PDB file of N, CA and C in Angstrom:
ATOM      1  N   GLU A   1      10.108 -85.690  48.833  1.00  0.00           N
ATOM      2  CA  GLU A   1      11.316 -86.211  48.047  1.00  0.00           C
ATOM      3  C   GLU A   1      11.921 -87.362  48.720  1.00  0.00           C
ATOM      4  N   GLU A   2      12.288 -88.436  48.100  1.00  0.00           N
ATOM      5  CA  GLU A   2      12.949 -89.754  48.595  1.00  0.00           C
ATOM      6  C   GLU A   2      14.482 -89.439  48.772  1.00  0.00           C
ATOM      7  N   ARG A   3      14.790 -88.640  49.722  1.00  0.00           N
ATOM      8  CA  ARG A   3      16.129 -88.138  49.946  1.00  0.00           C
ATOM      9  C   ARG A   3      17.158 -89.326  50.261  1.00  0.00           C
ATOM     10  N   GLY A   4      16.531 -90.519  50.875  1.00  0.00           N
ATOM     11  CA  GLY A   4      17.348 -91.564  51.158  1.00  0.00           C
ATOM     12  C   GLY A   4      17.758 -92.410  50.070  1.00  0.00           C
ATOM     13  N   VAL A   5      17.238 -92.452  48.914  1.00  0.00           N
ATOM     14  CA  VAL A   5      17.533 -93.123  47.753  1.00  0.00           C
ATOM     15  C   VAL A   5      17.684 -92.288  46.485  1.00  0.00           C
ATOM     16  N   THR A   6      18.347 -91.073  46.526  1.00  0.00           N
ATOM     17  CA  THR A   6      18.373 -90.292  45.421  1.00  0.00           C
ATOM     18  C   THR A   6      19.297 -90.817  44.395  1.00  0.00           C
ATOM     19  N   TRP A   7      20.303 -91.705  44.935  1.00  0.00           N
ATOM     20  CA  TRP A   7      21.068 -92.451  43.925  1.00  0.00           C
ATOM     21  C   TRP A   7      20.343 -93.179  42.813  1.00  0.00           C
ATOM     22  N   ALA A   8      19.273 -93.793  43.214  1.00  0.00           N
ATOM     23  CA  ALA A   8      18.314 -94.598  42.350  1.00  0.00           C
ATOM     24  C   ALA A   8      17.960 -93.702  41.072  1.00  0.00           C
ATOM     25  N   ARG A   9      18.044 -92.426  41.009  1.00  0.00           N
ATOM     26  CA  ARG A   9      17.597 -91.694  39.954  1.00  0.00           C
ATOM     27  C   ARG A   9      18.613 -91.785  38.905  1.00  0.00           C
ATOM     28  N   TYR A  10      19.816 -92.261  38.951  1.00  0.00           N
ATOM     29  CA  TYR A  10      20.800 -92.072  37.853  1.00  0.00           C
ATOM     30  C   TYR A  10      21.551 -93.502  37.733  1.00  0.00           C
ATOM     31  N   HIS A  11      21.596 -93.741  36.369  1.00  0.00           N
ATOM     32  CA  HIS A  11      22.315 -95.085  35.979  1.00  0.00           C
ATOM     33  C   HIS A  11      23.713 -94.844  36.146  1.00  0.00           C
ATOM     34  N   LEU A  12      24.262 -93.727  35.873  1.00  0.00           N
ATOM     35  CA  LEU A  12      25.543 -93.323  35.993  1.00  0.00           C
ATOM     36  C   LEU A  12      25.790 -91.846  36.399  1.00  0.00           C
ATOM     37  N   ALA A  13      26.629 -91.656  37.420  1.00  0.00           N
ATOM     38  CA  ALA A  13      26.965 -90.285  37.810  1.00  0.00           C
ATOM     39  C   ALA A  13      28.457 -90.137  38.113  1.00  0.00           C
ATOM     40  N   VAL A  14      29.060 -89.123  37.518  1.00  0.00           N
ATOM     41  CA  VAL A  14      30.516 -88.853  37.875  1.00  0.00           C
ATOM     42  C   VAL A  14      30.623 -87.765  38.671  1.00  0.00           C
ATOM     43  N   THR A  15      31.453 -87.846  39.777  1.00  0.00           N
ATOM     44  CA  THR A  15      31.758 -86.691  40.595  1.00  0.00           C
ATOM     45  C   THR A  15      33.185 -86.638  40.879  1.00  0.00           C
ATOM     46  N   ARG A  16      33.543 -85.463  41.508  1.00  0.00           N
ATOM     47  CA  ARG A  16      34.909 -85.437  42.005  1.00  0.00           C
ATOM     48  C   ARG A  16      34.980 -86.224  43.340  1.00  0.00           C
ATOM     49  N   ARG A  17      36.247 -86.882  43.382  1.00  0.00           N
ATOM     50  CA  ARG A  17      36.525 -87.868  44.614  1.00  0.00           C
ATOM     51  C   ARG A  17      36.703 -87.035  45.816  1.00  0.00           C
ATOM     52  N   HIS A  18      36.084 -87.424  46.821  1.00  0.00           N
ATOM     53  CA  HIS A  18      36.152 -86.663  48.195  1.00  0.00           C
ATOM     54  C   HIS A  18      36.309 -87.703  49.247  1.00  0.00           C
ATOM     55  N   GLU A  19      37.199 -87.716  50.174  1.00  0.00           N
ATOM     56  CA  GLU A  19      37.452 -88.687  51.353  1.00  0.00           C
ATOM     57  C   GLU A  19      36.088 -88.815  52.024  1.00  0.00           C
ATOM     58  N   ASN A  20      35.431 -87.805  52.310  1.00  0.00           N
ATOM     59  CA  ASN A  20      34.370 -87.839  53.195  1.00  0.00           C
ATOM     60  C   ASN A  20      33.022 -88.288  52.390  1.00  0.00           C
ATOM     61  N   GLU A  21      33.195 -88.874  51.152  1.00  0.00           N
ATOM     62  CA  GLU A  21      32.001 -89.505  50.430  1.00  0.00           C
ATOM     63  C   GLU A  21      32.379 -90.811  49.963  1.00  0.00           C
ATOM     64  N   PRO A  22      32.426 -91.808  50.940  1.00  0.00           N
ATOM     65  CA  PRO A  22      32.950 -93.040  50.699  1.00  0.00           C
ATOM     66  C   PRO A  22      31.695 -94.057  50.010  1.00  0.00           C
ATOM     67  N   SER A  23      30.527 -93.600  50.210  1.00  0.00           N
ATOM     68  CA  SER A  23      29.342 -94.538  49.695  1.00  0.00           C
ATOM     69  C   SER A  23      28.216 -93.547  49.328  1.00  0.00           C
ATOM     70  N   SER A  24      27.399 -94.017  48.363  1.00  0.00           N
ATOM     71  CA  SER A  24      26.191 -93.273  48.011  1.00  0.00           C
ATOM     72  C   SER A  24      25.081 -93.367  48.958  1.00  0.00           C
ATOM     73  N   SER A  25      25.131 -94.234  49.953  1.00  0.00           N
ATOM     74  CA  SER A  25      23.889 -94.431  50.743  1.00  0.00           C
ATOM     75  C   SER A  25      24.495 -94.912  52.116  1.00  0.00           C
ATOM     76  N   SER A  26      23.611 -95.302  53.021  1.00  0.00           N
ATOM     77  CA  SER A  26      23.955 -95.739  54.378  1.00  0.00           C
ATOM     78  C   SER A  26      22.868 -96.817  54.553  1.00  0.00           C
ATOM     79  N   ILE A  27      23.314 -97.705  55.507  1.00  0.00           N
ATOM     80  CA  ILE A  27      22.378 -98.675  55.900  1.00  0.00           C
ATOM     81  C   ILE A  27      21.432 -98.016  56.860  1.00  0.00           C
ATOM     82  N   TYR A  28      21.560 -97.005  57.473  1.00  0.00           N
ATOM     83  CA  TYR A  28      20.878 -96.151  58.280  1.00  0.00           C
ATOM     84  C   TYR A  28      19.865 -95.345  57.659  1.00  0.00           C
ATOM     85  N   SER A  29      19.801 -95.292  56.389  1.00  0.00           N
ATOM     86  CA  SER A  29      18.849 -94.430  55.660  1.00  0.00           C
ATOM     87  C   SER A  29      17.482 -95.043  55.773  1.00  0.00           C
ATOM     88  N   GLN A  30      17.409 -96.351  55.830  1.00  0.00           N
ATOM     89  CA  GLN A  30      16.076 -96.856  56.079  1.00  0.00           C
ATOM     90  C   GLN A  30      15.317 -96.472  57.352  1.00  0.00           C
ATOM     91  N   ASN A  31      16.043 -96.070  58.347  1.00  0.00           N
ATOM     92  CA  ASN A  31      15.387 -95.751  59.460  1.00  0.00           C
ATOM     93  C   ASN A  31      14.652 -94.194  59.413  1.00  0.00           C
ATOM     94  N   ASN A  32      15.153 -93.460  58.636  1.00  0.00           N
ATOM     95  CA  ASN A  32      14.586 -92.156  58.272  1.00  0.00           C
ATOM     96  C   ASN A  32      14.872 -91.757  56.941  1.00  0.00           C
ATOM     97  N   PRO A  33      14.196 -92.191  55.908  1.00  0.00           N
ATOM     98  CA  PRO A  33      14.614 -91.881  54.560  1.00  0.00           C
ATOM     99  C   PRO A  33      14.382 -90.485  54.157  1.00  0.00           C
ATOM    100  N   TRP A  34      13.633 -89.651  54.988  1.00  0.00           N
ATOM    101  CA  TRP A  34      13.369 -88.238  54.748  1.00  0.00           C
ATOM    102  C   TRP A  34      14.451 -87.298  55.062  1.00  0.00           C
ATOM    103  N   ASP A  35      15.329 -87.795  56.180  1.00  0.00           N
ATOM    104  CA  ASP A  35      16.418 -87.132  56.585  1.00  0.00           C
ATOM    105  C   ASP A  35      17.547 -88.100  56.801  1.00  0.00           C
ATOM    106  N   PRO A  36      18.090 -88.736  55.588  1.00  0.00           N
ATOM    107  CA  PRO A  36      19.111 -89.754  55.764  1.00  0.00           C
ATOM    108  C   PRO A  36      20.402 -89.098  56.304  1.00  0.00           C
ATOM    109  N   PRO A  37      21.524 -90.057  56.750  1.00  0.00           N
ATOM    110  CA  PRO A  37      22.704 -89.640  57.059  1.00  0.00           C
ATOM    111  C   PRO A  37      23.595 -89.305  55.745  1.00  0.00           C
ATOM    112  N   VAL A  38      23.329 -89.921  54.644  1.00  0.00           N
ATOM    113  CA  VAL A  38      24.068 -89.622  53.429  1.00  0.00           C
ATOM    114  C   VAL A  38      22.918 -89.392  52.315  1.00  0.00           C
ATOM    115  N   THR A  39      23.093 -88.054  51.707  1.00  0.00           N
ATOM    116  CA  THR A  39      22.102 -87.852  50.672  1.00  0.00           C
ATOM    117  C   THR A  39      22.921 -87.691  49.363  1.00  0.00           C
ATOM    118  N   PHE A  40      22.824 -88.612  48.481  1.00  0.00           N
ATOM    119  CA  PHE A  40      23.659 -88.730  47.382  1.00  0.00           C
ATOM    120  C   PHE A  40      23.512 -87.541  46.465  1.00  0.00           C
ATOM    121  N   GLU A  41      22.220 -87.014  46.313  1.00  0.00           N
ATOM    122  CA  GLU A  41      22.024 -85.731  45.540  1.00  0.00           C
ATOM    123  C   GLU A  41      22.911 -84.475  45.833  1.00  0.00           C
ATOM    124  N   SER A  42      23.484 -84.535  47.015  1.00  0.00           N
ATOM    125  CA  SER A  42      24.359 -83.358  47.377  1.00  0.00           C
ATOM    126  C   SER A  42      25.721 -83.630  46.883  1.00  0.00           C
ATOM    127  N   PHE A  43      26.025 -84.790  46.331  1.00  0.00           N
ATOM    128  CA  PHE A  43      27.168 -85.105  45.734  1.00  0.00           C
ATOM    129  C   PHE A  43      27.196 -84.397  44.340  1.00  0.00           C
ATOM    130  N   ILE A  44      26.186 -84.307  43.716  1.00  0.00           N
ATOM    131  CA  ILE A  44      25.963 -84.001  42.411  1.00  0.00           C
ATOM    132  C   ILE A  44      25.561 -82.308  42.343  1.00  0.00           C
ATOM    133  N   ARG A  45      24.908 -81.970  43.374  1.00  0.00           N
ATOM    134  CA  ARG A  45      24.355 -80.584  43.235  1.00  0.00           C
ATOM    135  C   ARG A  45      25.255 -79.512  43.629  1.00  0.00           C
ATOM    136  N   ASP A  46      26.504 -79.860  43.984  1.00  0.00           N
ATOM    137  CA  ASP A  46      27.634 -78.843  44.339  1.00  0.00           C
ATOM    138  C   ASP A  46      28.140 -78.144  43.216  1.00  0.00           C
ATOM    139  N   ASN A  47      28.062 -78.847  42.043  1.00  0.00           N
ATOM    140  CA  ASN A  47      28.447 -78.150  40.746  1.00  0.00           C
ATOM    141  C   ASN A  47      29.985 -78.035  40.778  1.00  0.00           C
ATOM    142  N   GLU A  48      30.648 -78.786  41.304  1.00  0.00           N
ATOM    143  CA  GLU A  48      32.110 -78.777  41.172  1.00  0.00           C
ATOM    144  C   GLU A  48      32.659 -79.160  39.882  1.00  0.00           C
ATOM    145  N   THR A  49      33.669 -78.400  39.425  1.00  0.00           N
ATOM    146  CA  THR A  49      34.376 -78.947  38.305  1.00  0.00           C
ATOM    147  C   THR A  49      35.015 -80.283  38.287  1.00  0.00           C
ATOM    148  N   ILE A  50      35.000 -81.157  37.135  1.00  0.00           N
ATOM    149  CA  ILE A  50      35.580 -82.348  37.171  1.00  0.00           C
ATOM    150  C   ILE A  50      36.824 -82.421  36.291  1.00  0.00           C
ATOM    151  N   GLU A  51      37.067 -81.365  35.673  1.00  0.00           N
ATOM    152  CA  GLU A  51      38.268 -81.330  34.840  1.00  0.00           C
ATOM    153  C   GLU A  51      39.583 -81.303  35.705  1.00  0.00           C
ATOM    154  N   ASP A  52      40.409 -82.327  35.097  1.00  0.00           N
ATOM    155  CA  ASP A  52      41.801 -82.535  35.756  1.00  0.00           C
ATOM    156  C   ASP A  52      41.559 -82.845  37.161  1.00  0.00           C
ATOM    157  N   GLN A  53      40.662 -83.739  37.554  1.00  0.00           N
ATOM    158  CA  GLN A  53      40.456 -84.000  39.047  1.00  0.00           C
ATOM    159  C   GLN A  53      40.350 -85.603  39.130  1.00  0.00           C
ATOM    160  N   ASP A  54      40.588 -86.045  40.319  1.00  0.00           N
ATOM    161  CA  ASP A  54      40.332 -87.517  40.632  1.00  0.00           C
ATOM    162  C   ASP A  54      38.763 -87.597  40.562  1.00  0.00           C
ATOM    163  N   LEU A  55      38.447 -88.645  39.815  1.00  0.00           N
ATOM    164  CA  LEU A  55      36.848 -88.893  39.703  1.00  0.00           C
ATOM    165  C   LEU A  55      36.341 -90.180  40.399  1.00  0.00           C
ATOM    166  N   VAL A  56      35.056 -90.164  40.597  1.00  0.00           N
ATOM    167  CA  VAL A  56      34.421 -91.454  40.995  1.00  0.00           C
ATOM    168  C   VAL A  56      33.205 -91.518  40.115  1.00  0.00           C
ATOM    169  N   ALA A  57      33.125 -92.860  39.715  1.00  0.00           N
ATOM    170  CA  ALA A  57      31.879 -93.111  38.939  1.00  0.00           C
ATOM    171  C   ALA A  57      30.979 -93.877  39.698  1.00  0.00           C
ATOM    172  N   TRP A  58      29.780 -93.338  39.972  1.00  0.00           N
ATOM    173  CA  TRP A  58      28.784 -94.012  40.767  1.00  0.00           C
ATOM    174  C   TRP A  58      27.761 -94.773  39.822  1.00  0.00           C
ATOM    175  N   VAL A  59      27.744 -96.043  39.708  1.00  0.00           N
ATOM    176  CA  VAL A  59      27.104 -96.789  38.834  1.00  0.00           C
ATOM    177  C   VAL A  59      25.938 -97.594  39.643  1.00  0.00           C
ATOM    178  N   THR A  60      24.769 -97.377  39.149  1.00  0.00           N
ATOM    179  CA  THR A  60      23.713 -98.140  39.803  1.00  0.00           C
ATOM    180  C   THR A  60      23.404 -99.363  39.024  1.00  0.00           C
ATOM    181  N   VAL A  61      23.486-100.490  39.774  1.00  0.00           N
ATOM    182  CA  VAL A  61      23.288-101.772  39.144  1.00  0.00           C
ATOM    183  C   VAL A  61      22.259-102.609  39.935  1.00  0.00           C
ATOM    184  N   GLY A  62      21.911-103.650  39.538  1.00  0.00           N
ATOM    185  CA  GLY A  62      20.889-104.638  40.230  1.00  0.00           C
ATOM    186  C   GLY A  62      20.668-105.910  39.630  1.00  0.00           C
ATOM    187  N   PHE A  63      20.068-106.704  40.248  1.00  0.00           N
ATOM    188  CA  PHE A  63      19.857-108.003  39.674  1.00  0.00           C
ATOM    189  C   PHE A  63      18.571-108.566  40.029  1.00  0.00           C
ATOM    190  N   LEU A  64      18.123-109.480  39.310  1.00  0.00           N
ATOM    191  CA  LEU A  64      16.756-109.928  39.717  1.00  0.00           C
ATOM    192  C   LEU A  64      16.687-111.436  40.137  1.00  0.00           C
ATOM    193  N   HIS A  65      16.153-111.816  41.026  1.00  0.00           N
ATOM    194  CA  HIS A  65      15.960-113.189  41.591  1.00  0.00           C
ATOM    195  C   HIS A  65      14.444-113.466  41.604  1.00  0.00           C
ATOM    196  N   VAL A  66      14.184-114.526  40.806  1.00  0.00           N
ATOM    197  CA  VAL A  66      12.840-115.020  40.753  1.00  0.00           C
ATOM    198  C   VAL A  66      12.715-116.021  41.747  1.00  0.00           C
ATOM    199  N   PRO A  67      11.846-115.960  42.914  1.00  0.00           N
ATOM    200  CA  PRO A  67      11.763-116.992  43.824  1.00  0.00           C
ATOM    201  C   PRO A  67      11.166-118.273  43.269  1.00  0.00           C
ATOM    202  N   HIS A  68      11.689-119.410  43.810  1.00  0.00           N
ATOM    203  CA  HIS A  68      11.194-120.675  43.420  1.00  0.00           C
ATOM    204  C   HIS A  68      11.253-121.709  44.605  1.00  0.00           C
ATOM    205  N   ALA A  69      10.713-122.776  44.471  1.00  0.00           N
ATOM    206  CA  ALA A  69      10.497-123.867  45.661  1.00  0.00           C
ATOM    207  C   ALA A  69      11.861-124.114  46.129  1.00  0.00           C
ATOM    208  N   GLU A  70      12.914-124.242  45.507  1.00  0.00           N
ATOM    209  CA  GLU A  70      14.255-124.656  45.883  1.00  0.00           C
ATOM    210  C   GLU A  70      14.996-123.607  46.806  1.00  0.00           C
ATOM    211  N   ASP A  71      14.355-122.377  47.002  1.00  0.00           N
ATOM    212  CA  ASP A  71      14.930-121.357  47.764  1.00  0.00           C
ATOM    213  C   ASP A  71      14.661-121.566  49.265  1.00  0.00           C
ATOM    214  N   ILE A  72      13.680-122.669  49.620  1.00  0.00           N
ATOM    215  CA  ILE A  72      13.430-122.824  50.916  1.00  0.00           C
ATOM    216  C   ILE A  72      14.195-124.055  51.483  1.00  0.00           C
ATOM    217  N   PRO A  73      14.809-124.034  52.676  1.00  0.00           N
ATOM    218  CA  PRO A  73      14.594-122.860  53.655  1.00  0.00           C
ATOM    219  C   PRO A  73      15.463-121.633  53.591  1.00  0.00           C
ATOM    220  N   ASN A  74      16.450-121.649  52.696  1.00  0.00           N
ATOM    221  CA  ASN A  74      17.237-120.481  52.514  1.00  0.00           C
ATOM    222  C   ASN A  74      17.529-120.216  51.084  1.00  0.00           C
ATOM    223  N   THR A  75      17.769-118.994  50.866  1.00  0.00           N
ATOM    224  CA  THR A  75      18.066-118.631  49.298  1.00  0.00           C
ATOM    225  C   THR A  75      19.629-118.499  49.182  1.00  0.00           C
ATOM    226  N   ALA A  76      20.169-119.510  48.537  1.00  0.00           N
ATOM    227  CA  ALA A  76      21.647-119.541  48.250  1.00  0.00           C
ATOM    228  C   ALA A  76      21.582-118.931  46.942  1.00  0.00           C
ATOM    229  N   THR A  77      22.685-118.093  46.687  1.00  0.00           N
ATOM    230  CA  THR A  77      22.899-117.380  45.464  1.00  0.00           C
ATOM    231  C   THR A  77      24.299-117.414  44.880  1.00  0.00           C
ATOM    232  N   PRO A  78      24.614-118.766  44.863  1.00  0.00           N
ATOM    233  CA  PRO A  78      26.024-118.937  44.262  1.00  0.00           C
ATOM    234  C   PRO A  78      25.995-118.708  42.657  1.00  0.00           C
ATOM    235  N   GLY A  79      26.989-118.080  42.218  1.00  0.00           N
ATOM    236  CA  GLY A  79      27.031-117.939  40.781  1.00  0.00           C
ATOM    237  C   GLY A  79      26.305-116.574  40.218  1.00  0.00           C
ATOM    238  N   ASN A  80      25.645-115.865  41.157  1.00  0.00           N
ATOM    239  CA  ASN A  80      25.112-114.572  40.985  1.00  0.00           C
ATOM    240  C   ASN A  80      26.110-113.546  40.826  1.00  0.00           C
ATOM    241  N   ALA A  81      26.070-112.687  39.864  1.00  0.00           N
ATOM    242  CA  ALA A  81      27.023-111.623  39.678  1.00  0.00           C
ATOM    243  C   ALA A  81      26.373-110.197  39.450  1.00  0.00           C
ATOM    244  N   VAL A  82      26.866-109.166  39.539  1.00  0.00           N
ATOM    245  CA  VAL A  82      26.520-107.911  39.111  1.00  0.00           C
ATOM    246  C   VAL A  82      27.536-107.209  38.495  1.00  0.00           C
ATOM    247  N   GLY A  83      27.338-106.563  37.384  1.00  0.00           N
ATOM    248  CA  GLY A  83      28.293-105.848  36.610  1.00  0.00           C
ATOM    249  C   GLY A  83      27.640-104.815  35.708  1.00  0.00           C
ATOM    250  N   PHE A  84      28.670-104.192  34.926  1.00  0.00           N
ATOM    251  CA  PHE A  84      28.118-103.136  34.009  1.00  0.00           C
ATOM    252  C   PHE A  84      29.100-103.023  32.913  1.00  0.00           C
ATOM    253  N   PHE A  85      28.579-102.431  31.639  1.00  0.00           N
ATOM    254  CA  PHE A  85      29.451-102.209  30.500  1.00  0.00           C
ATOM    255  C   PHE A  85      29.338-100.596  30.636  1.00  0.00           C
ATOM    256  N   LEU A  86      30.438-100.082  30.242  1.00  0.00           N
ATOM    257  CA  LEU A  86      30.723 -98.710  30.066  1.00  0.00           C
ATOM    258  C   LEU A  86      30.874 -98.544  28.496  1.00  0.00           C
ATOM    259  N   ARG A  87      30.010 -98.114  27.682  1.00  0.00           N
ATOM    260  CA  ARG A  87      30.199 -98.057  26.243  1.00  0.00           C
ATOM    261  C   ARG A  87      29.451 -96.906  25.836  1.00  0.00           C
ATOM    262  N   PRO A  88      29.989 -96.226  24.608  1.00  0.00           N
ATOM    263  CA  PRO A  88      29.275 -95.082  24.105  1.00  0.00           C
ATOM    264  C   PRO A  88      27.883 -95.459  23.397  1.00  0.00           C
ATOM    265  N   PHE A  89      26.989 -94.588  23.563  1.00  0.00           N
ATOM    266  CA  PHE A  89      25.730 -94.633  23.008  1.00  0.00           C
ATOM    267  C   PHE A  89      25.393 -93.481  22.229  1.00  0.00           C
ATOM    268  N   ASN A  90      25.269 -93.495  20.784  1.00  0.00           N
ATOM    269  CA  ASN A  90      25.001 -92.393  19.927  1.00  0.00           C
ATOM    270  C   ASN A  90      26.056 -91.430  20.038  1.00  0.00           C
ATOM    271  N   PHE A  91      27.353 -91.863  20.197  1.00  0.00           N
ATOM    272  CA  PHE A  91      28.431 -90.866  20.474  1.00  0.00           C
ATOM    273  C   PHE A  91      28.915 -90.470  18.966  1.00  0.00           C
ATOM    274  N   PHE A  92      28.858 -91.362  18.031  1.00  0.00           N
ATOM    275  CA  PHE A  92      29.137 -90.838  16.647  1.00  0.00           C
ATOM    276  C   PHE A  92      27.655 -90.822  15.845  1.00  0.00           C
ATOM    277  N   ASN A  93      27.824 -89.980  14.773  1.00  0.00           N
ATOM    278  CA  ASN A  93      26.450 -89.990  13.817  1.00  0.00           C
ATOM    279  C   ASN A  93      26.510 -91.293  12.964  1.00  0.00           C
ATOM    280  N   GLU A  94      27.624 -91.916  12.828  1.00  0.00           N
ATOM    281  CA  GLU A  94      27.691 -93.213  12.047  1.00  0.00           C
ATOM    282  C   GLU A  94      28.810 -93.882  12.410  1.00  0.00           C
ATOM    283  N   ASP A  95      29.039 -95.114  11.883  1.00  0.00           N
ATOM    284  CA  ASP A  95      30.055 -95.964  12.240  1.00  0.00           C
ATOM    285  C   ASP A  95      31.278 -95.373  11.900  1.00  0.00           C
ATOM    286  N   PRO A  96      32.278 -95.131  12.778  1.00  0.00           N
ATOM    287  CA  PRO A  96      33.475 -94.367  12.544  1.00  0.00           C
ATOM    288  C   PRO A  96      34.440 -95.175  11.678  1.00  0.00           C
ATOM    289  N   SER A  97      34.232 -96.473  11.582  1.00  0.00           N
ATOM    290  CA  SER A  97      35.119 -97.245  10.622  1.00  0.00           C
ATOM    291  C   SER A  97      35.013 -96.832   9.122  1.00  0.00           C
ATOM    292  N   VAL A  98      33.821 -96.240   8.790  1.00  0.00           N
ATOM    293  CA  VAL A  98      33.527 -95.867   7.444  1.00  0.00           C
ATOM    294  C   VAL A  98      34.584 -94.978   6.894  1.00  0.00           C
ATOM    295  N   ALA A  99      35.269 -94.062   7.756  1.00  0.00           N
ATOM    296  CA  ALA A  99      36.144 -93.194   7.318  1.00  0.00           C
ATOM    297  C   ALA A  99      37.609 -93.740   7.522  1.00  0.00           C
ATOM    298  N   SER A 100      37.740 -95.035   7.890  1.00  0.00           N
ATOM    299  CA  SER A 100      39.121 -95.740   8.052  1.00  0.00           C
ATOM    300  C   SER A 100      39.890 -95.676   6.785  1.00  0.00           C
ATOM    301  N   ARG A 101      41.119 -95.244   6.797  1.00  0.00           N
ATOM    302  CA  ARG A 101      41.951 -95.363   5.579  1.00  0.00           C
ATOM    303  C   ARG A 101      42.681 -96.786   5.474  1.00  0.00           C
ATOM    304  N   ALA A 102      42.549 -97.505   6.469  1.00  0.00           N
ATOM    305  CA  ALA A 102      43.160 -98.911   6.335  1.00  0.00           C
ATOM    306  C   ALA A 102      42.290 -99.870   6.938  1.00  0.00           C
ATOM    307  N   PRO A 103      41.161-100.265   6.103  1.00  0.00           N
ATOM    308  CA  PRO A 103      40.129-101.174   6.544  1.00  0.00           C
ATOM    309  C   PRO A 103      40.769-102.563   6.668  1.00  0.00           C
ATOM    310  N   VAL A 104      40.272-103.304   7.388  1.00  0.00           N
ATOM    311  CA  VAL A 104      40.506-104.708   7.590  1.00  0.00           C
ATOM    312  C   VAL A 104      39.325-105.590   7.236  1.00  0.00           C
ATOM    313  N   ILE A 105      39.624-106.521   6.250  1.00  0.00           N
ATOM    314  CA  ILE A 105      38.529-107.230   5.722  1.00  0.00           C
ATOM    315  C   ILE A 105      38.978-108.741   6.063  1.00  0.00           C
ATOM    316  N   VAL A 106      38.045-109.463   6.749  1.00  0.00           N
ATOM    317  CA  VAL A 106      38.284-110.875   7.273  1.00  0.00           C
ATOM    318  C   VAL A 106      37.478-111.828   6.410  1.00  0.00           C
ATOM    319  N   ARG A 107      38.166-112.737   5.722  1.00  0.00           N
ATOM    320  CA  ARG A 107      37.480-113.622   4.924  1.00  0.00           C
ATOM    321  C   ARG A 107      38.005-115.044   5.212  1.00  0.00           C
ATOM    322  N   PRO A 108      37.172-116.036   5.324  1.00  0.00           N
ATOM    323  CA  PRO A 108      37.685-117.516   5.584  1.00  0.00           C
ATOM    324  C   PRO A 108      38.356-118.051   4.294  1.00  0.00           C
ATOM    325  N   LEU A 109      39.549-118.761   4.633  1.00  0.00           N
ATOM    326  CA  LEU A 109      40.308-119.333   3.591  1.00  0.00           C
ATOM    327  C   LEU A 109      39.488-120.333   2.714  1.00  0.00           C
ATOM    328  N   ASP A 110      39.010-121.201   3.458  1.00  0.00           N
ATOM    329  CA  ASP A 110      38.227-122.214   2.714  1.00  0.00           C
ATOM    330  C   ASP A 110      36.724-122.134   3.162  1.00  0.00           C
ATOM    331  N   PRO A 111      35.818-121.656   2.310  1.00  0.00           N
ATOM    332  CA  PRO A 111      34.473-121.692   2.548  1.00  0.00           C
ATOM    333  C   PRO A 111      33.850-123.065   3.019  1.00  0.00           C
ATOM    334  N   PRO A 112      33.022-123.249   3.912  1.00  0.00           N
ATOM    335  CA  PRO A 112      32.564-124.464   4.391  1.00  0.00           C
ATOM    336  C   PRO A 112      31.588-124.995   3.250  1.00  0.00           C
ATOM    337  N   ALA A 113      31.606-126.424   3.242  1.00  0.00           N
ATOM    338  CA  ALA A 113      30.759-127.011   2.286  1.00  0.00           C
ATOM    339  C   ALA A 113      29.304-127.065   2.934  1.00  0.00           C
ATOM    340  N   CYS A 114      28.406-126.857   1.991  1.00  0.00           N
ATOM    341  CA  CYS A 114      26.884-126.871   2.500  1.00  0.00           C
ATOM    342  C   CYS A 114      26.296-128.178   2.142  1.00  0.00           C
ATOM    343  N   SER A 115      26.946-129.274   2.536  1.00  0.00           N
ATOM    344  CA  SER A 115      26.264-130.551   2.195  1.00  0.00           C
ATOM    345  C   SER A 115      26.033-131.323   3.556  1.00  0.00           C
ATOM    346  N   ARG A 116      25.104-132.224   3.473  1.00  0.00           N
ATOM    347  CA  ARG A 116      24.756-133.018   4.693  1.00  0.00           C
ATOM    348  C   ARG A 116      25.520-134.295   4.856  1.00  0.00           C
TER     349      ARG A 116
END
């Protein structure tokens, strides 16, 4: 089992906040991935309740860099950013606005002309 990178199994994990769990991994995990100083799986397997608690959302993100000739002699990465969207997926059976009692319809005042 890859105990040093168990965080990679999850896109998102939510746990109770603990002062002694500041990060999901360690730079020292690469020295001994079979017995790392931090094992993320232990954060989840303790089965603590998260109701009415301070929570931590552990989000796994990454980015892709395609090497090219301009990388030589060094790889500058200005403008690269990493982020995530937290949005529901299949939360409702259908669009919840269907049941809205106060729908909003947006129409342009003057339709654009279709001439060249």
